[in-house]
Amino acid sequence: PVEGWDIKVTKSRLAEPLEVHGKKIDEA
């Protein structure tokens, strides 16, 4: 968080899922 600023995080579906710590992630 930054004082005086709003933050928006945009996620999108991945063409190829990632595997992190044994789990598959299909968006980033």
mmCIF file of all heavy atoms, coordinates in Angstrom:
data_MODEL
# 
_entry.id   MODEL 
# 
loop_
_atom_site.group_PDB 
_atom_site.id 
_atom_site.type_symbol 
_atom_site.label_atom_id 
_atom_site.label_alt_id 
_atom_site.label_comp_id 
_atom_site.label_asym_id 
_atom_site.label_entity_id 
_atom_site.label_seq_id 
_atom_site.pdbx_PDB_ins_code 
_atom_site.Cartn_x 
_atom_site.Cartn_y 
_atom_site.Cartn_z 
_atom_site.occupancy 
_atom_site.B_iso_or_equiv 
_atom_site.pdbx_formal_charge 
_atom_site.auth_seq_id 
_atom_site.auth_comp_id 
_atom_site.auth_asym_id 
_atom_site.auth_atom_id 
_atom_site.pdbx_PDB_model_num 
ATOM 1   N N   . PRO A 1 1  ? 0.829   -1.213  0.000   1.00 0.00 ? 1  PRO A N   1 
ATOM 2   C CA  . PRO A 1 1  ? 0.000   0.000   0.000   1.00 0.00 ? 1  PRO A CA  1 
ATOM 3   C C   . PRO A 1 1  ? 0.862   1.262   0.000   1.00 0.00 ? 1  PRO A C   1 
ATOM 4   O O   . PRO A 1 1  ? 1.895   1.323   0.669   1.00 0.00 ? 1  PRO A O   1 
ATOM 5   C CB  . PRO A 1 1  ? -0.795  -0.124  1.307   1.00 0.00 ? 1  PRO A CB  1 
ATOM 6   C CG  . PRO A 1 1  ? -0.815  -1.586  1.611   1.00 0.00 ? 1  PRO A CG  1 
ATOM 7   C CD  . PRO A 1 1  ? 0.505   -2.117  1.123   1.00 0.00 ? 1  PRO A CD  1 
ATOM 8   N N   . VAL A 1 2  ? 0.449   2.238   -0.784  1.00 0.00 ? 2  VAL A N   1 
ATOM 9   C CA  . VAL A 1 2  ? 1.147   3.520   -0.875  1.00 0.00 ? 2  VAL A CA  1 
ATOM 10  C C   . VAL A 1 2  ? 0.152   4.612   -0.492  1.00 0.00 ? 2  VAL A C   1 
ATOM 11  O O   . VAL A 1 2  ? -0.922  4.712   -1.090  1.00 0.00 ? 2  VAL A O   1 
ATOM 12  C CB  . VAL A 1 2  ? 1.694   3.773   -2.297  1.00 0.00 ? 2  VAL A CB  1 
ATOM 13  C CG1 . VAL A 1 2  ? 2.393   5.132   -2.363  1.00 0.00 ? 2  VAL A CG1 1 
ATOM 14  C CG2 . VAL A 1 2  ? 2.654   2.660   -2.703  1.00 0.00 ? 2  VAL A CG2 1 
ATOM 15  N N   . GLU A 1 3  ? 0.507   5.389   0.500   1.00 0.00 ? 3  GLU A N   1 
ATOM 16  C CA  . GLU A 1 3  ? -0.403  6.421   0.986   1.00 0.00 ? 3  GLU A CA  1 
ATOM 17  C C   . GLU A 1 3  ? -0.734  7.412   -0.129  1.00 0.00 ? 3  GLU A C   1 
ATOM 18  O O   . GLU A 1 3  ? 0.149   7.909   -0.832  1.00 0.00 ? 3  GLU A O   1 
ATOM 19  C CB  . GLU A 1 3  ? 0.231   7.161   2.174   1.00 0.00 ? 3  GLU A CB  1 
ATOM 20  C CG  . GLU A 1 3  ? -0.699  8.161   2.833   1.00 0.00 ? 3  GLU A CG  1 
ATOM 21  C CD  . GLU A 1 3  ? -0.073  8.808   4.053   1.00 0.00 ? 3  GLU A CD  1 
ATOM 22  O OE1 . GLU A 1 3  ? 1.056   8.418   4.417   1.00 0.00 ? 3  GLU A OE1 1 
ATOM 23  O OE2 . GLU A 1 3  ? -0.711  9.701   4.645   1.00 0.00 ? 3  GLU A OE2 1 
ATOM 24  N N   . GLY A 1 4  ? -2.009  7.684   -0.268  1.00 0.00 ? 4  GLY A N   1 
ATOM 25  C CA  . GLY A 1 4  ? -2.453  8.645   -1.278  1.00 0.00 ? 4  GLY A CA  1 
ATOM 26  C C   . GLY A 1 4  ? -2.710  8.048   -2.645  1.00 0.00 ? 4  GLY A C   1 
ATOM 27  O O   . GLY A 1 4  ? -3.028  8.781   -3.590  1.00 0.00 ? 4  GLY A O   1 
ATOM 28  N N   . TRP A 1 5  ? -2.622  6.707   -2.761  1.00 0.00 ? 5  TRP A N   1 
ATOM 29  C CA  . TRP A 1 5  ? -2.799  6.051   -4.050  1.00 0.00 ? 5  TRP A CA  1 
ATOM 30  C C   . TRP A 1 5  ? -3.729  4.846   -3.926  1.00 0.00 ? 5  TRP A C   1 
ATOM 31  O O   . TRP A 1 5  ? -3.639  4.072   -2.973  1.00 0.00 ? 5  TRP A O   1 
ATOM 32  C CB  . TRP A 1 5  ? -1.463  5.589   -4.613  1.00 0.00 ? 5  TRP A CB  1 
ATOM 33  C CG  . TRP A 1 5  ? -0.528  6.716   -4.946  1.00 0.00 ? 5  TRP A CG  1 
ATOM 34  C CD1 . TRP A 1 5  ? 0.230   7.442   -4.076  1.00 0.00 ? 5  TRP A CD1 1 
ATOM 35  C CD2 . TRP A 1 5  ? -0.290  7.270   -6.239  1.00 0.00 ? 5  TRP A CD2 1 
ATOM 36  N NE1 . TRP A 1 5  ? 0.941   8.407   -4.732  1.00 0.00 ? 5  TRP A NE1 1 
ATOM 37  C CE2 . TRP A 1 5  ? 0.651   8.333   -6.075  1.00 0.00 ? 5  TRP A CE2 1 
ATOM 38  C CE3 . TRP A 1 5  ? -0.754  6.977   -7.531  1.00 0.00 ? 5  TRP A CE3 1 
ATOM 39  C CZ2 . TRP A 1 5  ? 1.122   9.091   -7.141  1.00 0.00 ? 5  TRP A CZ2 1 
ATOM 40  C CZ3 . TRP A 1 5  ? -0.277  7.731   -8.598  1.00 0.00 ? 5  TRP A CZ3 1 
ATOM 41  C CH2 . TRP A 1 5  ? 0.639   8.765   -8.393  1.00 0.00 ? 5  TRP A CH2 1 
ATOM 42  N N   . ASP A 1 6  ? -4.629  4.682   -4.905  1.00 0.00 ? 6  ASP A N   1 
ATOM 43  C CA  . ASP A 1 6  ? -5.438  3.475   -5.032  1.00 0.00 ? 6  ASP A CA  1 
ATOM 44  C C   . ASP A 1 6  ? -4.683  2.479   -5.897  1.00 0.00 ? 6  ASP A C   1 
ATOM 45  O O   . ASP A 1 6  ? -3.978  2.872   -6.845  1.00 0.00 ? 6  ASP A O   1 
ATOM 46  C CB  . ASP A 1 6  ? -6.794  3.786   -5.679  1.00 0.00 ? 6  ASP A CB  1 
ATOM 47  C CG  . ASP A 1 6  ? -7.739  4.512   -4.727  1.00 0.00 ? 6  ASP A CG  1 
ATOM 48  O OD1 . ASP A 1 6  ? -7.676  4.223   -3.515  1.00 0.00 ? 6  ASP A OD1 1 
ATOM 49  O OD2 . ASP A 1 6  ? -8.525  5.360   -5.198  1.00 0.00 ? 6  ASP A OD2 1 
ATOM 50  N N   . ILE A 1 7  ? -4.841  1.189   -5.576  1.00 0.00 ? 7  ILE A N   1 
ATOM 51  C CA  . ILE A 1 7  ? -4.124  0.147   -6.318  1.00 0.00 ? 7  ILE A CA  1 
ATOM 52  C C   . ILE A 1 7  ? -5.123  -0.849  -6.892  1.00 0.00 ? 7  ILE A C   1 
ATOM 53  O O   . ILE A 1 7  ? -6.006  -1.348  -6.176  1.00 0.00 ? 7  ILE A O   1 
ATOM 54  C CB  . ILE A 1 7  ? -3.126  -0.595  -5.410  1.00 0.00 ? 7  ILE A CB  1 
ATOM 55  C CG1 . ILE A 1 7  ? -2.141  0.395   -4.780  1.00 0.00 ? 7  ILE A CG1 1 
ATOM 56  C CG2 . ILE A 1 7  ? -2.367  -1.651  -6.208  1.00 0.00 ? 7  ILE A CG2 1 
ATOM 57  C CD1 . ILE A 1 7  ? -1.206  -0.229  -3.779  1.00 0.00 ? 7  ILE A CD1 1 
ATOM 58  N N   . LYS A 1 8  ? -4.977  -1.147  -8.172  1.00 0.00 ? 8  LYS A N   1 
ATOM 59  C CA  . LYS A 1 8  ? -5.807  -2.149  -8.824  1.00 0.00 ? 8  LYS A CA  1 
ATOM 60  C C   . LYS A 1 8  ? -4.917  -3.230  -9.421  1.00 0.00 ? 8  LYS A C   1 
ATOM 61  O O   . LYS A 1 8  ? -3.977  -2.928  -10.161 1.00 0.00 ? 8  LYS A O   1 
ATOM 62  C CB  . LYS A 1 8  ? -6.655  -1.513  -9.934  1.00 0.00 ? 8  LYS A CB  1 
ATOM 63  C CG  . LYS A 1 8  ? -7.542  -2.518  -10.673 1.00 0.00 ? 8  LYS A CG  1 
ATOM 64  C CD  . LYS A 1 8  ? -8.311  -1.843  -11.794 1.00 0.00 ? 8  LYS A CD  1 
ATOM 65  C CE  . LYS A 1 8  ? -9.155  -2.861  -12.563 1.00 0.00 ? 8  LYS A CE  1 
ATOM 66  N NZ  . LYS A 1 8  ? -9.888  -2.234  -13.688 1.00 0.00 ? 8  LYS A NZ  1 
ATOM 67  N N   . VAL A 1 9  ? -5.210  -4.478  -9.079  1.00 0.00 ? 9  VAL A N   1 
ATOM 68  C CA  . VAL A 1 9  ? -4.445  -5.616  -9.594  1.00 0.00 ? 9  VAL A CA  1 
ATOM 69  C C   . VAL A 1 9  ? -5.294  -6.364  -10.610 1.00 0.00 ? 9  VAL A C   1 
ATOM 70  O O   . VAL A 1 9  ? -6.418  -6.775  -10.297 1.00 0.00 ? 9  VAL A O   1 
ATOM 71  C CB  . VAL A 1 9  ? -4.021  -6.553  -8.446  1.00 0.00 ? 9  VAL A CB  1 
ATOM 72  C CG1 . VAL A 1 9  ? -3.277  -7.766  -8.996  1.00 0.00 ? 9  VAL A CG1 1 
ATOM 73  C CG2 . VAL A 1 9  ? -3.146  -5.814  -7.439  1.00 0.00 ? 9  VAL A CG2 1 
ATOM 74  N N   . THR A 1 10 ? -4.772  -6.533  -11.813 1.00 0.00 ? 10 THR A N   1 
ATOM 75  C CA  . THR A 1 10 ? -5.495  -7.220  -12.884 1.00 0.00 ? 10 THR A CA  1 
ATOM 76  C C   . THR A 1 10 ? -4.868  -8.580  -13.144 1.00 0.00 ? 10 THR A C   1 
ATOM 77  O O   . THR A 1 10 ? -3.648  -8.676  -13.349 1.00 0.00 ? 10 THR A O   1 
ATOM 78  C CB  . THR A 1 10 ? -5.470  -6.391  -14.182 1.00 0.00 ? 10 THR A CB  1 
ATOM 79  O OG1 . THR A 1 10 ? -6.036  -5.103  -13.928 1.00 0.00 ? 10 THR A OG1 1 
ATOM 80  C CG2 . THR A 1 10 ? -6.260  -7.083  -15.278 1.00 0.00 ? 10 THR A CG2 1 
ATOM 81  N N   . LYS A 1 11 ? -5.700  -9.620  -13.138 1.00 0.00 ? 11 LYS A N   1 
ATOM 82  C CA  . LYS A 1 11 ? -5.227  -10.977 -13.419 1.00 0.00 ? 11 LYS A CA  1 
ATOM 83  C C   . LYS A 1 11 ? -5.809  -11.468 -14.735 1.00 0.00 ? 11 LYS A C   1 
ATOM 84  O O   . LYS A 1 11 ? -6.904  -11.082 -15.133 1.00 0.00 ? 11 LYS A O   1 
ATOM 85  C CB  . LYS A 1 11 ? -5.631  -11.934 -12.294 1.00 0.00 ? 11 LYS A CB  1 
ATOM 86  C CG  . LYS A 1 11 ? -4.925  -11.685 -10.974 1.00 0.00 ? 11 LYS A CG  1 
ATOM 87  C CD  . LYS A 1 11 ? -5.304  -12.740 -9.949  1.00 0.00 ? 11 LYS A CD  1 
ATOM 88  C CE  . LYS A 1 11 ? -4.569  -12.543 -8.642  1.00 0.00 ? 11 LYS A CE  1 
ATOM 89  N NZ  . LYS A 1 11 ? -4.898  -13.592 -7.652  1.00 0.00 ? 11 LYS A NZ  1 
ATOM 90  N N   . SER A 1 12 ? -5.066  -12.341 -15.397 1.00 0.00 ? 12 SER A N   1 
ATOM 91  C CA  . SER A 1 12 ? -5.514  -12.936 -16.654 1.00 0.00 ? 12 SER A CA  1 
ATOM 92  C C   . SER A 1 12 ? -5.208  -14.423 -16.651 1.00 0.00 ? 12 SER A C   1 
ATOM 93  O O   . SER A 1 12 ? -4.273  -14.876 -15.975 1.00 0.00 ? 12 SER A O   1 
ATOM 94  C CB  . SER A 1 12 ? -4.836  -12.262 -17.852 1.00 0.00 ? 12 SER A CB  1 
ATOM 95  O OG  . SER A 1 12 ? -5.132  -10.878 -17.890 1.00 0.00 ? 12 SER A OG  1 
ATOM 96  N N   . ARG A 1 13 ? -6.010  -15.168 -17.420 1.00 0.00 ? 13 ARG A N   1 
ATOM 97  C CA  . ARG A 1 13 ? -5.797  -16.610 -17.510 1.00 0.00 ? 13 ARG A CA  1 
ATOM 98  C C   . ARG A 1 13 ? -4.567  -16.899 -18.368 1.00 0.00 ? 13 ARG A C   1 
ATOM 99  O O   . ARG A 1 13 ? -4.345  -16.250 -19.391 1.00 0.00 ? 13 ARG A O   1 
ATOM 100 C CB  . ARG A 1 13 ? -7.028  -17.293 -18.102 1.00 0.00 ? 13 ARG A CB  1 
ATOM 101 C CG  . ARG A 1 13 ? -6.964  -18.832 -18.054 1.00 0.00 ? 13 ARG A CG  1 
ATOM 102 C CD  . ARG A 1 13 ? -8.320  -19.409 -18.367 1.00 0.00 ? 13 ARG A CD  1 
ATOM 103 N NE  . ARG A 1 13 ? -9.278  -19.070 -17.321 1.00 0.00 ? 13 ARG A NE  1 
ATOM 104 C CZ  . ARG A 1 13 ? -9.416  -19.734 -16.167 1.00 0.00 ? 13 ARG A CZ  1 
ATOM 105 N NH1 . ARG A 1 13 ? -8.621  -20.766 -15.908 1.00 0.00 ? 13 ARG A NH1 1 
ATOM 106 N NH2 . ARG A 1 13 ? -10.310 -19.367 -15.288 1.00 0.00 ? 13 ARG A NH2 1 
ATOM 107 N N   . LEU A 1 14 ? -3.779  -17.869 -17.926 1.00 0.00 ? 14 LEU A N   1 
ATOM 108 C CA  . LEU A 1 14 ? -2.543  -18.219 -18.625 1.00 0.00 ? 14 LEU A CA  1 
ATOM 109 C C   . LEU A 1 14 ? -2.813  -19.234 -19.732 1.00 0.00 ? 14 LEU A C   1 
ATOM 110 O O   . LEU A 1 14 ? -3.659  -20.123 -19.583 1.00 0.00 ? 14 LEU A O   1 
ATOM 111 C CB  . LEU A 1 14 ? -1.527  -18.802 -17.643 1.00 0.00 ? 14 LEU A CB  1 
ATOM 112 C CG  . LEU A 1 14 ? -1.076  -17.884 -16.497 1.00 0.00 ? 14 LEU A CG  1 
ATOM 113 C CD1 . LEU A 1 14 ? -0.182  -18.653 -15.533 1.00 0.00 ? 14 LEU A CD1 1 
ATOM 114 C CD2 . LEU A 1 14 ? -0.343  -16.663 -17.041 1.00 0.00 ? 14 LEU A CD2 1 
ATOM 115 N N   . ALA A 1 15 ? -2.075  -19.098 -20.825 1.00 0.00 ? 15 ALA A N   1 
ATOM 116 C CA  . ALA A 1 15 ? -2.190  -20.068 -21.912 1.00 0.00 ? 15 ALA A CA  1 
ATOM 117 C C   . ALA A 1 15 ? -1.669  -21.429 -21.457 1.00 0.00 ? 15 ALA A C   1 
ATOM 118 O O   . ALA A 1 15 ? -2.237  -22.474 -21.797 1.00 0.00 ? 15 ALA A O   1 
ATOM 119 C CB  . ALA A 1 15 ? -1.410  -19.581 -23.131 1.00 0.00 ? 15 ALA A CB  1 
ATOM 120 N N   . GLU A 1 16 ? -0.586  -21.396 -20.658 1.00 0.00 ? 16 GLU A N   1 
ATOM 121 C CA  . GLU A 1 16 ? -0.033  -22.623 -20.093 1.00 0.00 ? 16 GLU A CA  1 
ATOM 122 C C   . GLU A 1 16 ? 0.077   -22.458 -18.578 1.00 0.00 ? 16 GLU A C   1 
ATOM 123 O O   . GLU A 1 16 ? 0.764   -21.542 -18.114 1.00 0.00 ? 16 GLU A O   1 
ATOM 124 C CB  . GLU A 1 16 ? 1.345   -22.929 -20.687 1.00 0.00 ? 16 GLU A CB  1 
ATOM 125 C CG  . GLU A 1 16 ? 1.332   -23.199 -22.171 1.00 0.00 ? 16 GLU A CG  1 
ATOM 126 C CD  . GLU A 1 16 ? 2.707   -23.536 -22.705 1.00 0.00 ? 16 GLU A CD  1 
ATOM 127 O OE1 . GLU A 1 16 ? 3.636   -23.665 -21.871 1.00 0.00 ? 16 GLU A OE1 1 
ATOM 128 O OE2 . GLU A 1 16 ? 2.855   -23.676 -23.935 1.00 0.00 ? 16 GLU A OE2 1 
ATOM 129 N N   . PRO A 1 17 ? -0.596  -23.295 -17.808 1.00 0.00 ? 17 PRO A N   1 
ATOM 130 C CA  . PRO A 1 17 ? -0.568  -23.167 -16.345 1.00 0.00 ? 17 PRO A CA  1 
ATOM 131 C C   . PRO A 1 17 ? 0.846   -23.292 -15.779 1.00 0.00 ? 17 PRO A C   1 
ATOM 132 O O   . PRO A 1 17 ? 1.699   -23.988 -16.336 1.00 0.00 ? 17 PRO A O   1 
ATOM 133 C CB  . PRO A 1 17 ? -1.450  -24.337 -15.863 1.00 0.00 ? 17 PRO A CB  1 
ATOM 134 C CG  . PRO A 1 17 ? -2.313  -24.667 -17.044 1.00 0.00 ? 17 PRO A CG  1 
ATOM 135 C CD  . PRO A 1 17 ? -1.461  -24.396 -18.254 1.00 0.00 ? 17 PRO A CD  1 
ATOM 136 N N   . LEU A 1 18 ? 1.072   -22.593 -14.671 1.00 0.00 ? 18 LEU A N   1 
ATOM 137 C CA  . LEU A 1 18 ? 2.343   -22.697 -13.960 1.00 0.00 ? 18 LEU A CA  1 
ATOM 138 C C   . LEU A 1 18 ? 2.219   -23.752 -12.869 1.00 0.00 ? 18 LEU A C   1 
ATOM 139 O O   . LEU A 1 18 ? 1.142   -23.955 -12.302 1.00 0.00 ? 18 LEU A O   1 
ATOM 140 C CB  . LEU A 1 18 ? 2.705   -21.360 -13.320 1.00 0.00 ? 18 LEU A CB  1 
ATOM 141 C CG  . LEU A 1 18 ? 3.013   -20.176 -14.248 1.00 0.00 ? 18 LEU A CG  1 
ATOM 142 C CD1 . LEU A 1 18 ? 3.211   -18.921 -13.408 1.00 0.00 ? 18 LEU A CD1 1 
ATOM 143 C CD2 . LEU A 1 18 ? 4.254   -20.455 -15.075 1.00 0.00 ? 18 LEU A CD2 1 
ATOM 144 N N   . GLU A 1 19 ? 3.338   -24.411 -12.562 1.00 0.00 ? 19 GLU A N   1 
ATOM 145 C CA  . GLU A 1 19 ? 3.365   -25.351 -11.438 1.00 0.00 ? 19 GLU A CA  1 
ATOM 146 C C   . GLU A 1 19 ? 4.290   -24.782 -10.373 1.00 0.00 ? 19 GLU A C   1 
ATOM 147 O O   . GLU A 1 19 ? 5.485   -24.629 -10.589 1.00 0.00 ? 19 GLU A O   1 
ATOM 148 C CB  . GLU A 1 19 ? 3.844   -26.727 -11.877 1.00 0.00 ? 19 GLU A CB  1 
ATOM 149 C CG  . GLU A 1 19 ? 3.735   -27.763 -10.757 1.00 0.00 ? 19 GLU A CG  1 
ATOM 150 C CD  . GLU A 1 19 ? 3.951   -29.184 -11.255 1.00 0.00 ? 19 GLU A CD  1 
ATOM 151 O OE1 . GLU A 1 19 ? 3.842   -29.415 -12.466 1.00 0.00 ? 19 GLU A OE1 1 
ATOM 152 O OE2 . GLU A 1 19 ? 4.229   -30.058 -10.399 1.00 0.00 ? 19 GLU A OE2 1 
ATOM 153 N N   . VAL A 1 20 ? 3.707   -24.440 -9.214  1.00 0.00 ? 20 VAL A N   1 
ATOM 154 C CA  . VAL A 1 20 ? 4.447   -23.832 -8.114  1.00 0.00 ? 20 VAL A CA  1 
ATOM 155 C C   . VAL A 1 20 ? 4.193   -24.632 -6.844  1.00 0.00 ? 20 VAL A C   1 
ATOM 156 O O   . VAL A 1 20 ? 3.053   -24.781 -6.419  1.00 0.00 ? 20 VAL A O   1 
ATOM 157 C CB  . VAL A 1 20 ? 4.038   -22.358 -7.897  1.00 0.00 ? 20 VAL A CB  1 
ATOM 158 C CG1 . VAL A 1 20 ? 4.843   -21.742 -6.765  1.00 0.00 ? 20 VAL A CG1 1 
ATOM 159 C CG2 . VAL A 1 20 ? 4.228   -21.555 -9.180  1.00 0.00 ? 20 VAL A CG2 1 
ATOM 160 N N   . HIS A 1 21 ? 5.276   -25.163 -6.248  1.00 0.00 ? 21 HIS A N   1 
ATOM 161 C CA  . HIS A 1 21 ? 5.173   -25.962 -5.023  1.00 0.00 ? 21 HIS A CA  1 
ATOM 162 C C   . HIS A 1 21 ? 4.171   -27.110 -5.187  1.00 0.00 ? 21 HIS A C   1 
ATOM 163 O O   . HIS A 1 21 ? 3.375   -27.404 -4.296  1.00 0.00 ? 21 HIS A O   1 
ATOM 164 C CB  . HIS A 1 21 ? 4.767   -25.088 -3.841  1.00 0.00 ? 21 HIS A CB  1 
ATOM 165 C CG  . HIS A 1 21 ? 5.698   -23.937 -3.604  1.00 0.00 ? 21 HIS A CG  1 
ATOM 166 N ND1 . HIS A 1 21 ? 7.062   -24.087 -3.430  1.00 0.00 ? 21 HIS A ND1 1 
ATOM 167 C CD2 . HIS A 1 21 ? 5.463   -22.596 -3.518  1.00 0.00 ? 21 HIS A CD2 1 
ATOM 168 C CE1 . HIS A 1 21 ? 7.627   -22.914 -3.242  1.00 0.00 ? 21 HIS A CE1 1 
ATOM 169 N NE2 . HIS A 1 21 ? 6.685   -21.993 -3.305  1.00 0.00 ? 21 HIS A NE2 1 
ATOM 170 N N   . GLY A 1 22 ? 4.183   -27.725 -6.363  1.00 0.00 ? 22 GLY A N   1 
ATOM 171 C CA  . GLY A 1 22 ? 3.321   -28.867 -6.601  1.00 0.00 ? 22 GLY A CA  1 
ATOM 172 C C   . GLY A 1 22 ? 1.890   -28.525 -6.963  1.00 0.00 ? 22 GLY A C   1 
ATOM 173 O O   . GLY A 1 22 ? 1.069   -29.424 -7.168  1.00 0.00 ? 22 GLY A O   1 
ATOM 174 N N   . LYS A 1 23 ? 1.565   -27.247 -7.073  1.00 0.00 ? 23 LYS A N   1 
ATOM 175 C CA  . LYS A 1 23 ? 0.204   -26.834 -7.419  1.00 0.00 ? 23 LYS A CA  1 
ATOM 176 C C   . LYS A 1 23 ? 0.206   -26.135 -8.772  1.00 0.00 ? 23 LYS A C   1 
ATOM 177 O O   . LYS A 1 23 ? 1.119   -25.391 -9.096  1.00 0.00 ? 23 LYS A O   1 
ATOM 178 C CB  . LYS A 1 23 ? -0.356  -25.894 -6.354  1.00 0.00 ? 23 LYS A CB  1 
ATOM 179 C CG  . LYS A 1 23 ? -0.509  -26.533 -4.979  1.00 0.00 ? 23 LYS A CG  1 
ATOM 180 C CD  . LYS A 1 23 ? -1.098  -25.532 -3.987  1.00 0.00 ? 23 LYS A CD  1 
ATOM 181 C CE  . LYS A 1 23 ? -1.263  -26.161 -2.611  1.00 0.00 ? 23 LYS A CE  1 
ATOM 182 N NZ  . LYS A 1 23 ? -1.820  -25.199 -1.636  1.00 0.00 ? 23 LYS A NZ  1 
ATOM 183 N N   . LYS A 1 24 ? -0.854  -26.363 -9.544  1.00 0.00 ? 24 LYS A N   1 
ATOM 184 C CA  . LYS A 1 24 ? -0.974  -25.722 -10.846 1.00 0.00 ? 24 LYS A CA  1 
ATOM 185 C C   . LYS A 1 24 ? -1.737  -24.406 -10.714 1.00 0.00 ? 24 LYS A C   1 
ATOM 186 O O   . LYS A 1 24 ? -2.784  -24.348 -10.083 1.00 0.00 ? 24 LYS A O   1 
ATOM 187 C CB  . LYS A 1 24 ? -1.674  -26.661 -11.832 1.00 0.00 ? 24 LYS A CB  1 
ATOM 188 C CG  . LYS A 1 24 ? -0.790  -27.813 -12.292 1.00 0.00 ? 24 LYS A CG  1 
ATOM 189 C CD  . LYS A 1 24 ? -1.440  -28.582 -13.423 1.00 0.00 ? 24 LYS A CD  1 
ATOM 190 C CE  . LYS A 1 24 ? -0.489  -29.660 -13.944 1.00 0.00 ? 24 LYS A CE  1 
ATOM 191 N NZ  . LYS A 1 24 ? -1.095  -30.409 -15.088 1.00 0.00 ? 24 LYS A NZ  1 
ATOM 192 N N   . ILE A 1 25 ? -1.185  -23.351 -11.321 1.00 0.00 ? 25 ILE A N   1 
ATOM 193 C CA  . ILE A 1 25 ? -1.800  -22.028 -11.298 1.00 0.00 ? 25 ILE A CA  1 
ATOM 194 C C   . ILE A 1 25 ? -2.155  -21.650 -12.729 1.00 0.00 ? 25 ILE A C   1 
ATOM 195 O O   . ILE A 1 25 ? -1.292  -21.643 -13.608 1.00 0.00 ? 25 ILE A O   1 
ATOM 196 C CB  . ILE A 1 25 ? -0.844  -20.987 -10.694 1.00 0.00 ? 25 ILE A CB  1 
ATOM 197 C CG1 . ILE A 1 25 ? -0.515  -21.365 -9.244  1.00 0.00 ? 25 ILE A CG1 1 
ATOM 198 C CG2 . ILE A 1 25 ? -1.435  -19.592 -10.761 1.00 0.00 ? 25 ILE A CG2 1 
ATOM 199 C CD1 . ILE A 1 25 ? 0.510   -20.467 -8.600  1.00 0.00 ? 25 ILE A CD1 1 
ATOM 200 N N   . ASP A 1 26 ? -3.452  -21.365 -12.969 1.00 0.00 ? 26 ASP A N   1 
ATOM 201 C CA  . ASP A 1 26 ? -3.886  -21.088 -14.333 1.00 0.00 ? 26 ASP A CA  1 
ATOM 202 C C   . ASP A 1 26 ? -4.125  -19.605 -14.601 1.00 0.00 ? 26 ASP A C   1 
ATOM 203 O O   . ASP A 1 26 ? -4.585  -19.243 -15.696 1.00 0.00 ? 26 ASP A O   1 
ATOM 204 C CB  . ASP A 1 26 ? -5.154  -21.879 -14.655 1.00 0.00 ? 26 ASP A CB  1 
ATOM 205 C CG  . ASP A 1 26 ? -6.294  -21.578 -13.691 1.00 0.00 ? 26 ASP A CG  1 
ATOM 206 O OD1 . ASP A 1 26 ? -6.115  -20.708 -12.814 1.00 0.00 ? 26 ASP A OD1 1 
ATOM 207 O OD2 . ASP A 1 26 ? -7.359  -22.206 -13.813 1.00 0.00 ? 26 ASP A OD2 1 
ATOM 208 N N   . GLU A 1 27 ? -3.830  -18.729 -13.637 1.00 0.00 ? 27 GLU A N   1 
ATOM 209 C CA  . GLU A 1 27 ? -3.924  -17.299 -13.873 1.00 0.00 ? 27 GLU A CA  1 
ATOM 210 C C   . GLU A 1 27 ? -2.822  -16.566 -13.105 1.00 0.00 ? 27 GLU A C   1 
ATOM 211 O O   . GLU A 1 27 ? -2.304  -17.072 -12.116 1.00 0.00 ? 27 GLU A O   1 
ATOM 212 C CB  . GLU A 1 27 ? -5.299  -16.751 -13.478 1.00 0.00 ? 27 GLU A CB  1 
ATOM 213 C CG  . GLU A 1 27 ? -5.601  -16.804 -12.001 1.00 0.00 ? 27 GLU A CG  1 
ATOM 214 C CD  . GLU A 1 27 ? -6.933  -16.138 -11.663 1.00 0.00 ? 27 GLU A CD  1 
ATOM 215 O OE1 . GLU A 1 27 ? -7.698  -15.810 -12.605 1.00 0.00 ? 27 GLU A OE1 1 
ATOM 216 O OE2 . GLU A 1 27 ? -7.209  -15.947 -10.474 1.00 0.00 ? 27 GLU A OE2 1 
ATOM 217 N N   . ALA A 1 28 ? -2.474  -15.392 -13.609 1.00 0.00 ? 28 ALA A N   1 
ATOM 218 C CA  . ALA A 1 28 ? -1.395  -14.619 -12.994 1.00 0.00 ? 28 ALA A CA  1 
ATOM 219 C C   . ALA A 1 28 ? -1.686  -13.137 -13.186 1.00 0.00 ? 28 ALA A C   1 
ATOM 220 O O   . ALA A 1 28 ? -2.493  -12.734 -14.024 1.00 0.00 ? 28 ALA A O   1 
ATOM 221 C CB  . ALA A 1 28 ? -0.049  -14.981 -13.612 1.00 0.00 ? 28 ALA A CB  1 
# 
